[in-house]
Protein backbone atom coordinates (compact mmCIF):
# COMPACT_ATOMS: atom_id res chain seq x y z
CA UNK A 1 -0.23 -0.16 -0.33
CA UNK A 2 2.90 2.68 0.77
CA UNK A 3 4.44 1.57 -2.64
CA UNK A 4 1.20 2.32 -4.08
CA UNK A 5 0.85 5.86 -2.52
CA UNK A 6 4.23 6.84 -3.16
CA UNK A 7 3.45 5.96 -6.96
CA UNK A 8 0.42 8.09 -6.84
CA UNK A 9 1.81 11.07 -5.68
CA UNK A 10 4.89 10.63 -7.83
CA UNK A 11 2.36 11.20 -11.18
CA UNK A 12 0.48 14.16 -9.87
CA UNK A 13 -1.40 13.76 -13.63
CA UNK A 14 -2.96 10.71 -12.16
CA UNK A 15 -4.98 12.26 -9.68
CA UNK A 16 -6.27 14.73 -12.07
CA UNK A 17 -7.31 12.11 -14.57
CA UNK A 18 -9.63 10.38 -11.90
CA UNK A 19 -10.87 13.68 -11.14
CA UNK A 20 -12.01 14.32 -14.62
CA UNK A 21 -13.30 10.87 -14.64
CA UNK A 22 -15.19 11.47 -11.51
CA UNK A 23 -16.47 14.50 -13.29
CA UNK A 24 -17.66 13.02 -16.08
CA UNK A 25 -19.45 10.01 -14.57
CA UNK A 26 -21.28 13.02 -11.73
CA UNK A 27 -22.30 14.86 -15.34
CA UNK A 28 -23.22 11.48 -16.92
CA UNK A 29 -25.42 10.44 -13.99
CA UNK A 30 -27.07 13.89 -13.61
CA UNK A 31 -28.23 14.19 -17.14
CA UNK A 32 -29.55 10.40 -17.00
CA UNK A 33 -31.66 11.75 -13.78
CA UNK A 34 -32.93 14.97 -15.89
CA UNK A 35 -33.88 13.75 -19.47
CA UNK A 36 -35.36 10.73 -20.35
CA UNK A 37 -34.31 11.27 -23.87
CA UNK A 38 -30.79 11.38 -22.65
CA UNK A 39 -30.12 7.86 -20.92
CA UNK A 40 -31.76 6.78 -24.02
CA UNK A 41 -29.32 3.90 -25.29
CA UNK A 42 -29.79 5.89 -28.63
CA UNK A 43 -28.41 8.91 -27.19
CA UNK A 44 -25.70 7.40 -25.29
CA UNK A 45 -24.31 5.39 -28.29
CA UNK A 46 -24.48 8.31 -30.34
CA UNK A 47 -22.72 10.60 -27.61
CA UNK A 48 -20.09 7.99 -27.43
CA UNK A 49 -19.71 7.92 -31.25
CA UNK A 50 -18.94 11.81 -31.66
CA UNK A 51 -16.47 11.81 -28.69
CA UNK A 52 -14.59 9.41 -31.10
CA UNK A 53 -13.03 11.48 -33.33
CA UNK A 54 -12.19 14.64 -30.98
CA UNK A 55 -10.13 11.96 -28.89
CA UNK A 56 -8.34 10.21 -31.93
CA UNK A 57 -7.23 14.38 -33.16
CA UNK A 58 -5.98 15.11 -29.37
CA UNK A 59 -4.06 12.14 -28.66
CA UNK A 60 -1.93 13.15 -31.94
CA UNK A 61 -2.14 16.92 -30.14
CA UNK A 62 -0.83 15.41 -26.85
CA UNK A 63 2.19 14.27 -28.99
CA UNK A 64 3.52 17.45 -30.21
CA UNK A 65 2.63 19.18 -26.65
CA UNK A 66 4.34 16.98 -24.60
CA UNK A 67 7.64 17.34 -27.08
CA UNK A 68 6.98 21.00 -26.64
CA UNK A 69 5.76 21.97 -29.25
CA UNK A 70 1.83 22.63 -29.97
CA UNK A 71 -0.38 22.17 -33.29
CA UNK A 72 -2.72 24.40 -34.16
CA UNK A 73 -3.32 23.13 -37.79
CA UNK A 74 -4.78 20.19 -36.78
CA UNK A 75 -8.29 21.50 -37.42
CA UNK A 76 -7.41 22.85 -40.89
CA UNK A 77 -5.88 19.28 -41.66
CA UNK A 78 -9.27 17.54 -40.60
CA UNK A 79 -11.13 19.76 -42.84
CA UNK A 80 -9.01 19.10 -46.04
CA UNK A 81 -8.89 15.41 -45.34
CA UNK A 82 -12.84 15.39 -45.28
CA UNK A 83 -12.95 17.54 -48.50
CA UNK A 84 -10.27 15.28 -50.23
CA UNK A 85 -12.42 12.20 -49.06
CA UNK A 86 -15.48 13.70 -50.73
CA UNK A 87 -13.87 14.16 -54.07
CA UNK A 88 -12.00 10.72 -54.30
CA UNK A 89 -14.57 8.28 -52.34
CA UNK A 90 -17.87 8.72 -53.75
CA UNK A 91 -17.57 5.41 -56.51
CA UNK A 92 -18.55 2.19 -56.08
CA UNK A 93 -15.02 1.04 -57.12
CA UNK A 94 -13.01 -0.44 -53.89
CA UNK A 95 -9.73 0.53 -55.39
CA UNK A 96 -10.93 3.84 -55.89
CA UNK A 97 -11.89 3.88 -51.95
CA UNK A 98 -8.69 2.35 -51.19
CA UNK A 99 -6.54 5.20 -53.29
CA UNK A 100 -8.90 8.06 -51.30
CA UNK A 101 -8.13 6.37 -47.90
CA UNK A 102 -4.27 6.48 -49.11
CA UNK A 103 -4.56 10.22 -50.50
CA UNK A 104 -5.92 11.27 -47.36
CA UNK A 105 -3.02 10.00 -44.71
CA UNK A 106 -0.68 11.05 -47.37
CA UNK A 107 -1.57 14.33 -47.56
CA UNK A 108 -1.86 14.56 -43.72
CA UNK A 109 1.64 13.02 -43.49
CA UNK A 110 3.25 15.71 -45.75
CA UNK A 111 1.32 18.37 -43.89
CA UNK A 112 3.36 16.99 -40.62
CA UNK A 113 6.58 16.65 -42.37
CA UNK A 114 6.13 20.54 -43.71
CA UNK A 115 5.16 21.26 -39.99
CA UNK A 116 8.13 19.03 -38.31
CA UNK A 117 10.45 20.67 -41.02
CA UNK A 118 9.69 24.44 -40.08
CA UNK A 119 10.32 23.64 -36.41
CA UNK A 120 13.42 21.93 -36.57
CA UNK A 121 15.33 23.14 -39.47
CA UNK A 122 13.81 26.45 -40.17
CA UNK A 123 13.58 26.96 -36.05
CA UNK A 124 10.32 28.84 -36.67
CA UNK A 125 8.30 28.73 -33.46
CA UNK A 126 5.32 25.88 -33.36
CA UNK A 127 2.83 28.29 -33.20
CA UNK A 128 3.31 30.61 -35.92
CA UNK A 129 4.46 27.76 -37.86
CA UNK A 130 1.29 25.68 -37.51
CA UNK A 131 -0.50 29.15 -37.37
CA UNK A 132 0.92 29.67 -40.96
CA UNK A 133 0.12 25.90 -42.24
CA UNK A 134 -3.94 26.32 -40.71
CA UNK A 135 -4.12 29.67 -43.03
CA UNK A 136 -3.12 27.95 -45.81
CA UNK A 137 -4.87 24.58 -45.33
CA UNK A 138 -8.14 26.76 -45.20
CA UNK A 139 -7.80 27.64 -48.27
CA UNK A 140 -7.09 24.55 -49.93
CA UNK A 141 -9.74 23.13 -48.24
CA UNK A 142 -12.28 25.98 -49.93
CA UNK A 143 -10.23 25.63 -53.13
CA UNK A 144 -10.69 21.51 -53.56
CA UNK A 145 -14.49 21.73 -51.88
CA UNK A 146 -16.08 25.19 -52.15
CA UNK A 147 -19.07 24.20 -50.24
CA UNK A 148 -20.01 21.17 -48.45
CA UNK A 149 -20.99 18.68 -50.76
CA UNK A 150 -19.19 15.74 -52.35
CA UNK A 151 -20.02 12.04 -51.55
CA UNK A 152 -18.38 9.19 -49.77
CA UNK A 153 -19.27 5.93 -50.63
CA UNK A 154 -22.68 4.48 -48.59
CA UNK A 155 -21.35 1.00 -47.66
CA UNK A 156 -17.75 2.10 -46.65
CA UNK A 157 -19.29 4.72 -44.63
CA UNK A 158 -21.91 2.36 -43.43
CA UNK A 159 -18.84 -0.15 -41.85
CA UNK A 160 -17.03 3.06 -40.70
CA UNK A 161 -19.82 4.15 -38.36
CA UNK A 162 -21.31 0.55 -37.53
CA UNK A 163 -22.72 0.74 -34.17
CA UNK A 164 -23.72 -2.30 -32.25
CA UNK A 165 -25.68 -1.14 -29.05
CA UNK A 166 -23.20 0.99 -26.65
CA UNK A 167 -20.01 -0.13 -28.95
CA UNK A 168 -19.55 1.51 -32.23
CA UNK A 169 -16.88 1.35 -35.20
CA UNK A 170 -15.18 4.99 -34.13
CA UNK A 171 -14.66 3.67 -30.65
CA UNK A 172 -12.97 0.57 -31.87
CA UNK A 173 -10.80 2.84 -34.13
CA UNK A 174 -10.32 4.95 -31.40
CA UNK A 175 -9.18 2.33 -28.67
CA UNK A 176 -6.73 0.56 -31.56
CA UNK A 177 -5.42 4.35 -31.88
CA UNK A 178 -4.87 4.70 -28.76
CA UNK A 179 -2.89 1.45 -28.26
CA UNK A 180 -0.50 2.63 -30.89
CA UNK A 181 0.09 5.90 -29.41
CA UNK A 182 0.43 4.18 -26.02
CA UNK A 183 3.08 1.79 -27.21
CA UNK A 184 4.66 4.39 -28.92
CA UNK A 185 5.06 6.79 -26.33
CA UNK A 186 5.90 4.63 -23.33
CA UNK A 187 7.80 1.59 -25.32
CA UNK A 188 9.48 3.01 -28.03
CA UNK A 189 13.02 4.91 -28.44
CA UNK A 190 10.61 7.73 -29.91
CA UNK A 191 8.42 8.45 -27.17
CA UNK A 192 10.93 8.36 -24.29
CA UNK A 193 12.62 10.86 -26.87
CA UNK A 194 9.80 12.94 -27.06
CA UNK A 195 9.27 13.22 -23.10
CA UNK A 196 13.25 14.27 -22.74
CA UNK A 197 12.66 17.17 -25.48
CA UNK A 198 10.15 18.07 -23.69
CA UNK A 199 11.50 18.47 -20.68
CA UNK A 200 14.86 19.98 -21.83
CA UNK A 201 15.83 19.80 -25.36
CA UNK A 202 19.66 20.99 -25.01
CA UNK A 203 19.89 18.05 -22.17
CA UNK A 204 18.27 15.62 -24.43
CA UNK A 205 20.19 16.37 -27.30
CA UNK A 206 23.42 15.94 -25.09
CA UNK A 207 22.71 12.43 -24.13
CA UNK A 208 22.59 11.60 -27.99
CA UNK A 209 18.65 12.57 -28.25
CA UNK A 210 17.99 13.26 -32.41
CA UNK A 211 16.02 15.84 -31.36
CA UNK A 212 15.27 17.07 -34.83
CA UNK A 213 13.96 13.75 -36.21
CA UNK A 214 12.21 13.02 -33.01
CA UNK A 215 10.47 16.49 -33.34
CA UNK A 216 9.34 15.71 -36.82
CA UNK A 217 7.95 12.39 -36.43
CA UNK A 218 5.91 14.05 -33.91
CA UNK A 219 4.04 16.60 -36.25
CA UNK A 220 3.69 13.64 -38.77
CA UNK A 221 1.59 11.67 -36.16
CA UNK A 222 -0.28 14.51 -34.73
CA UNK A 223 -1.43 15.10 -39.08
CA UNK A 224 -2.14 11.04 -39.24
CA UNK A 225 -4.30 11.16 -35.97
CA UNK A 226 -6.49 14.34 -37.85
CA UNK A 227 -6.63 12.41 -40.88
CA UNK A 228 -8.29 9.71 -38.75
CA UNK A 229 -10.73 12.29 -37.49
CA UNK A 230 -11.28 13.91 -40.47
CA UNK A 231 -12.15 10.14 -42.61
CA UNK A 232 -14.37 9.44 -39.35
CA UNK A 233 -16.31 13.08 -40.08
CA UNK A 234 -16.47 12.37 -43.51
CA UNK A 235 -18.23 9.03 -42.89
CA UNK A 236 -20.53 10.17 -40.49
CA UNK A 237 -21.79 13.13 -42.80
CA UNK A 238 -21.66 11.19 -45.78
CA UNK A 239 -20.12 14.32 -47.53
CA UNK A 240 -16.93 16.53 -47.21
CA UNK A 241 -16.82 19.55 -45.37
CA UNK A 242 -14.27 22.46 -45.74
CA UNK A 243 -14.87 24.12 -42.19
CA UNK A 244 -16.08 21.22 -40.30
CA UNK A 245 -12.41 21.05 -38.26
CA UNK A 246 -12.36 24.57 -37.35
CA UNK A 247 -13.51 23.92 -33.77
CA UNK A 248 -11.07 20.58 -33.55
CA UNK A 249 -7.92 22.66 -32.92
CA UNK A 250 -8.90 24.29 -29.98
CA UNK A 251 -10.74 21.58 -28.97
CA UNK A 252 -7.90 19.18 -28.94
CA UNK A 253 -5.82 21.26 -26.92
CA UNK A 254 -8.32 21.87 -24.29
CA UNK A 255 -8.72 17.86 -24.26
CA UNK A 256 -5.07 17.56 -23.86
CA UNK A 257 -4.21 20.10 -21.50
CA UNK A 258 -7.02 19.03 -19.18
CA UNK A 259 -6.33 15.55 -19.12
CA UNK A 260 -3.33 16.49 -17.49
CA UNK A 261 -0.73 17.00 -20.03
CA UNK A 262 1.62 20.15 -19.63
CA UNK A 263 1.80 23.08 -22.05
CA UNK A 264 5.55 23.70 -21.15
CA UNK A 265 6.16 20.06 -22.21
CA UNK A 266 7.46 16.82 -20.96
CA UNK A 267 5.28 15.53 -18.94
CA UNK A 268 1.23 13.61 -20.19
CA UNK A 269 -0.95 10.52 -20.07
CA UNK A 270 -2.80 9.50 -23.12
CA UNK A 271 -5.72 8.35 -21.02
CA UNK A 272 -5.97 11.67 -19.66
CA UNK A 273 -6.50 13.13 -22.80
CA UNK A 274 -8.83 10.56 -23.84
CA UNK A 275 -11.24 11.43 -20.71
CA UNK A 276 -10.83 15.17 -21.42
CA UNK A 277 -11.99 14.66 -25.12
CA UNK A 278 -14.90 13.04 -23.57
CA UNK A 279 -15.80 15.10 -21.00
CA UNK A 280 -15.72 18.12 -23.87
CA UNK A 281 -17.71 16.28 -26.17
CA UNK A 282 -20.17 15.38 -23.46
CA UNK A 283 -20.54 18.73 -22.08
CA UNK A 284 -21.16 19.95 -25.73
CA UNK A 285 -23.79 17.28 -26.10
CA UNK A 286 -25.67 18.51 -22.53
CA UNK A 287 -25.51 21.96 -23.85
CA UNK A 288 -27.18 21.28 -26.88
CA UNK A 289 -30.11 18.88 -25.26
CA UNK A 290 -30.32 21.93 -22.79
CA UNK A 291 -30.51 24.37 -26.07
CA UNK A 292 -27.52 26.75 -24.51
CA UNK A 293 -26.55 29.51 -26.85
CA UNK A 294 -23.76 28.62 -29.10
CA UNK A 295 -21.94 31.54 -27.97
CA UNK A 296 -22.34 30.09 -23.97
CA UNK A 297 -20.54 26.99 -25.61
CA UNK A 298 -17.49 28.57 -26.62
CA UNK A 299 -17.36 30.65 -23.65
CA UNK A 300 -17.53 27.48 -21.41
CA UNK A 301 -14.48 25.54 -23.20
CA UNK A 302 -12.45 28.50 -22.52
CA UNK A 303 -13.25 29.10 -18.89
CA UNK A 304 -12.53 25.18 -19.05
CA UNK A 305 -9.13 25.32 -20.49
CA UNK A 306 -8.32 28.51 -17.87
CA UNK A 307 -9.44 26.65 -15.00
CA UNK A 308 -7.39 23.30 -16.11
CA UNK A 309 -4.34 25.30 -16.31
CA UNK A 310 -4.50 27.10 -13.14
CA UNK A 311 -5.78 24.36 -11.23
CA UNK A 312 -2.60 21.92 -12.97
CA UNK A 313 0.03 25.20 -12.24
CA UNK A 314 -0.76 25.42 -8.57
CA UNK A 315 -0.58 21.69 -8.60
CA UNK A 316 2.81 21.72 -9.95
CA UNK A 317 4.08 24.03 -7.59
CA UNK A 318 2.83 22.33 -4.45
CA UNK A 319 4.01 18.93 -5.91
CA UNK A 320 7.51 20.82 -5.89
CA UNK A 321 7.29 22.53 -2.66
CA UNK A 322 6.21 18.62 -1.32
CA UNK A 323 9.69 17.41 -2.73
CA UNK A 324 11.55 20.05 -1.68
CA UNK A 325 10.55 19.70 1.75
């Protein structure tokens, strides 16, 4: 028991994850008691399936933030991916559908490569780099698909968004992506390098870590996670939308920070990011059911992000004092 207590106190992020889980349960039970339609199996299944895309892109955002960077272009990447999918995946030919999927991921990898190269080789700050990339991608999305339209093959869309009671294909894909990212971050040299770079890039380089290569990988993975989200959204809507990823950039950062990842880099839990994404998704669903004005929903997300940063900043200082004493 003493060993468990020491382990728990040594990872304050874990306590934040448990707190968010508790908050998630409280909100869910409260809404189930308040609304009969909310506790229906149909609504619960839809809520879980709708939270999965945000969780996928947030996992990629977490990798970048852990490495000491940030990616503001994931939302625009999602929009472009849905536009590409709608242009290329409308036919019944399986080869054409496969080509569309490959094109989506190839484009996303290129975006991540450009972001990573600008940050590491050209030494442009991550926020400036990804903000500029986001602006360019917004134009690309509108060039490919000026308005929402196109078509996603119905059979492919049904497979990607298939549901079995509470379980759904988006949840399964999210879980598989979580396992892959978890393995990368906790069981490979790349993951350990990203944590080291986030802690102190100079020290990491002096220890032989290939900082530039690892950072480029982080941005490429983040863009690929955004591509997964783009495909999920395209299959849900059955069309492409050049603006559908607009909110996902900030929401992915909010989910990451709420889940206990420090914006300073070097610390973070992937499980916390997933819980944070589901918290944001569930709150959005609750406010839609309660018919809360869209303006207040944005205010709530911003306040939640600020509150999380303040709480984690205070807890970090308290942890430093505790260890010093």
